[in-house]
Protein backbone atom coordinates (compact mmCIF):
# COMPACT_ATOMS: atom_id res chain seq x y z
CA MET A 1 19.80 8.68 9.03
CA TRP A 2 20.51 12.30 8.20
CA CYS A 3 23.27 12.53 10.84
CA SER A 4 24.94 9.35 9.62
CA SER A 5 24.74 10.62 6.03
CA LEU A 6 27.15 13.44 6.87
CA THR A 7 30.09 11.01 6.88
CA LYS A 8 29.09 9.16 3.70
CA SER A 9 29.58 9.90 0.05
CA PHE A 10 26.77 9.40 -2.43
CA ARG A 11 26.68 8.89 -6.16
CA PRO A 12 24.71 11.12 -8.47
CA TYR A 13 22.33 9.49 -10.95
CA PRO A 14 22.40 11.90 -13.89
CA THR A 15 20.18 9.76 -16.12
CA ASN A 16 17.37 9.39 -13.61
CA GLU A 17 15.47 12.66 -13.98
CA VAL A 18 12.30 11.55 -12.20
CA PHE A 19 14.15 10.89 -8.96
CA SER A 20 16.42 13.93 -9.31
CA GLY A 21 19.42 11.64 -9.26
CA LYS A 22 20.09 12.13 -5.54
CA GLN A 23 21.16 8.92 -3.83
CA ALA A 24 21.40 10.76 -0.50
CA HIS A 25 17.67 11.48 -0.63
CA TYR A 26 16.90 7.75 -0.75
CA TYR A 27 19.34 7.04 2.07
CA THR A 28 17.82 9.63 4.41
CA THR A 29 14.11 9.23 3.54
CA ALA A 30 11.98 6.23 4.50
CA THR A 31 10.37 4.55 1.51
CA GLY A 32 6.81 5.43 2.53
CA HIS A 33 7.76 9.08 2.99
CA ASN A 34 9.39 9.38 -0.42
CA GLY A 35 6.62 10.52 -2.76
CA GLN A 36 8.65 9.50 -5.80
CA LEU A 37 8.44 5.84 -4.74
CA LEU A 38 4.68 5.69 -4.08
CA SER A 39 2.82 3.48 -6.54
CA HIS A 40 -0.63 3.02 -4.97
CA ASN A 41 -3.14 4.79 -2.74
CA ILE A 42 -5.54 3.27 -0.27
CA VAL A 43 -8.84 5.11 -0.59
CA ARG A 44 -11.78 4.75 1.79
CA LEU A 45 -14.95 4.23 -0.22
CA ASP A 46 -17.49 5.14 2.47
CA THR A 47 -17.91 8.29 4.54
CA ASN A 48 -19.03 6.74 7.81
CA LYS A 49 -17.16 7.74 10.94
CA VAL A 50 -14.33 5.36 11.78
CA SER A 51 -14.66 3.80 15.20
CA SER A 52 -11.81 2.12 16.97
CA THR A 53 -12.66 -1.03 18.90
CA ALA A 54 -10.56 -3.40 20.91
CA SER A 55 -9.15 -6.25 18.90
CA ASP A 56 -8.69 -9.88 19.80
CA LEU A 57 -7.24 -12.91 18.04
CA GLY A 58 -10.66 -14.25 17.02
CA LYS A 59 -11.64 -10.94 15.46
CA GLU A 60 -8.30 -10.74 13.65
CA ARG A 61 -8.72 -14.24 12.20
CA GLN A 62 -12.25 -13.46 11.05
CA THR A 63 -11.21 -10.18 9.37
CA PHE A 64 -8.18 -11.82 7.76
CA GLY A 65 -10.28 -14.68 6.38
CA ALA A 66 -13.00 -12.37 5.09
CA ASN A 67 -10.48 -10.32 3.12
CA LEU A 68 -8.67 -13.41 1.87
CA ALA A 69 -11.86 -14.67 0.21
CA PRO A 70 -12.44 -13.89 -3.50
CA ARG A 71 -14.37 -10.69 -4.33
CA ALA A 72 -15.94 -9.26 -7.47
CA ASP A 73 -13.45 -6.38 -7.26
CA PRO A 74 -10.21 -7.79 -5.84
CA THR A 75 -8.85 -4.32 -5.06
CA VAL A 76 -11.61 -3.66 -2.49
CA PHE A 77 -11.30 -4.83 1.11
CA GLU A 78 -13.22 -4.24 4.31
CA VAL A 79 -11.87 -3.57 7.78
CA GLY A 80 -13.53 -2.09 10.83
CA GLY A 81 -16.86 -1.92 9.01
CA HIS A 82 -15.43 0.32 6.26
CA GLN A 83 -14.59 -0.39 2.64
CA TYR A 84 -11.26 0.60 1.12
CA GLN A 85 -9.75 0.24 -2.31
CA ILE A 86 -6.15 -0.07 -3.41
CA GLN A 87 -5.69 2.16 -6.47
CA ARG A 88 -2.66 2.56 -8.69
CA ILE A 89 -1.47 6.18 -8.76
CA THR A 90 -1.92 7.61 -12.23
CA ASN A 91 1.44 8.37 -13.87
CA ALA A 92 3.36 7.28 -10.77
CA PRO A 93 7.13 7.31 -11.33
CA ASN A 94 7.32 3.92 -9.60
CA THR A 95 6.38 1.39 -12.26
CA THR A 96 8.33 -1.45 -10.65
CA PRO A 97 6.63 -4.62 -9.39
CA TYR A 98 7.08 -3.23 -5.85
CA TRP A 99 3.95 -1.60 -4.45
CA VAL A 100 4.64 1.33 -2.15
CA MET A 101 1.68 2.92 -0.40
CA ARG A 102 0.80 4.82 2.74
CA VAL A 103 -1.74 3.09 4.95
CA PRO A 104 -4.43 5.38 6.40
CA THR A 105 -4.23 5.96 10.15
CA ASP A 106 -7.68 4.46 10.67
CA ILE A 107 -6.16 1.11 9.58
CA ILE A 108 -2.83 1.48 11.38
CA LYS A 109 -1.95 4.49 13.53
CA ASN A 110 1.81 3.94 13.82
CA HIS A 111 4.52 1.28 13.98
CA ASP A 112 3.18 0.02 17.34
CA ASP A 113 -0.37 -0.50 16.04
CA ILE A 114 0.07 -3.56 13.82
CA PHE A 115 -1.65 -5.99 16.17
CA ASN A 116 -5.24 -5.10 15.38
CA ASP A 117 -7.96 -6.59 13.21
CA ARG A 118 -7.90 -3.61 10.81
CA PHE A 119 -4.25 -4.18 9.85
CA THR A 120 -4.72 -7.96 9.81
CA GLY A 121 -7.65 -7.51 7.42
CA PHE A 122 -5.52 -5.31 5.16
CA VAL A 123 -2.82 -8.01 5.09
CA GLY A 124 -5.51 -10.56 4.11
CA ALA A 125 -6.47 -8.34 1.17
CA LEU A 126 -2.82 -8.11 0.09
CA PHE A 127 -2.48 -11.91 0.28
CA ARG A 128 -5.59 -12.29 -1.88
CA LEU A 129 -4.15 -9.90 -4.47
CA ALA A 130 -0.79 -11.69 -4.38
CA GLN A 131 -2.50 -15.01 -5.10
CA LEU A 132 -4.37 -13.49 -8.02
CA THR A 133 -1.38 -11.74 -9.50
CA GLU A 134 1.34 -14.33 -9.10
CA GLY A 135 2.86 -14.55 -12.57
CA ASN A 136 -0.20 -15.62 -14.53
CA GLU A 137 -2.66 -14.07 -16.95
CA SER A 138 -4.89 -12.95 -14.05
CA ARG A 139 -2.31 -10.32 -13.10
CA ARG A 140 -2.51 -8.56 -16.44
CA HIS A 141 -6.31 -8.76 -16.38
CA ILE A 142 -6.53 -7.24 -12.87
CA GLU A 143 -4.12 -4.43 -13.71
CA ARG A 144 -5.98 -3.60 -16.93
CA GLN A 145 -9.35 -3.71 -15.23
CA HIS A 146 -8.61 -2.06 -11.88
CA PHE A 147 -5.33 -0.19 -12.05
CA THR A 148 -5.79 1.71 -15.26
CA THR A 149 -5.94 5.47 -15.31
CA GLN A 150 -8.16 6.75 -12.50
CA ALA A 151 -8.61 10.18 -14.13
CA GLU A 152 -12.11 9.39 -15.41
């Protein structure tokens, strides 16, 4: 994208101080690599060593279903025998409804590694959160309860 940006013109955004007002930066940087757009972190809650095992369709379905089911803390999910939590980044510049986060490499190594039970389980957790937060009072309750300031 950087090479193609050499022949383009970009607008400045003088009123947008947080993002430095540089449209070219957004054109040449992938969303997940632009720290100004990140809104959430995925944090592993346990310290056990991550082991990679072969995945199959049955295992993917089981992991997806397990993470789709209701939980006491909807921000917590489990994949590959490890617990993770989706946490809002304190004072993140991105306060839009769009969640931008980097997924740890023990869930997905790269763009070619999406067909595994770890990633499928993560998607199940996102679906569960989407069902809970879809335009009703539950969304505000979840955000107050789980995505408030993590500085404690």
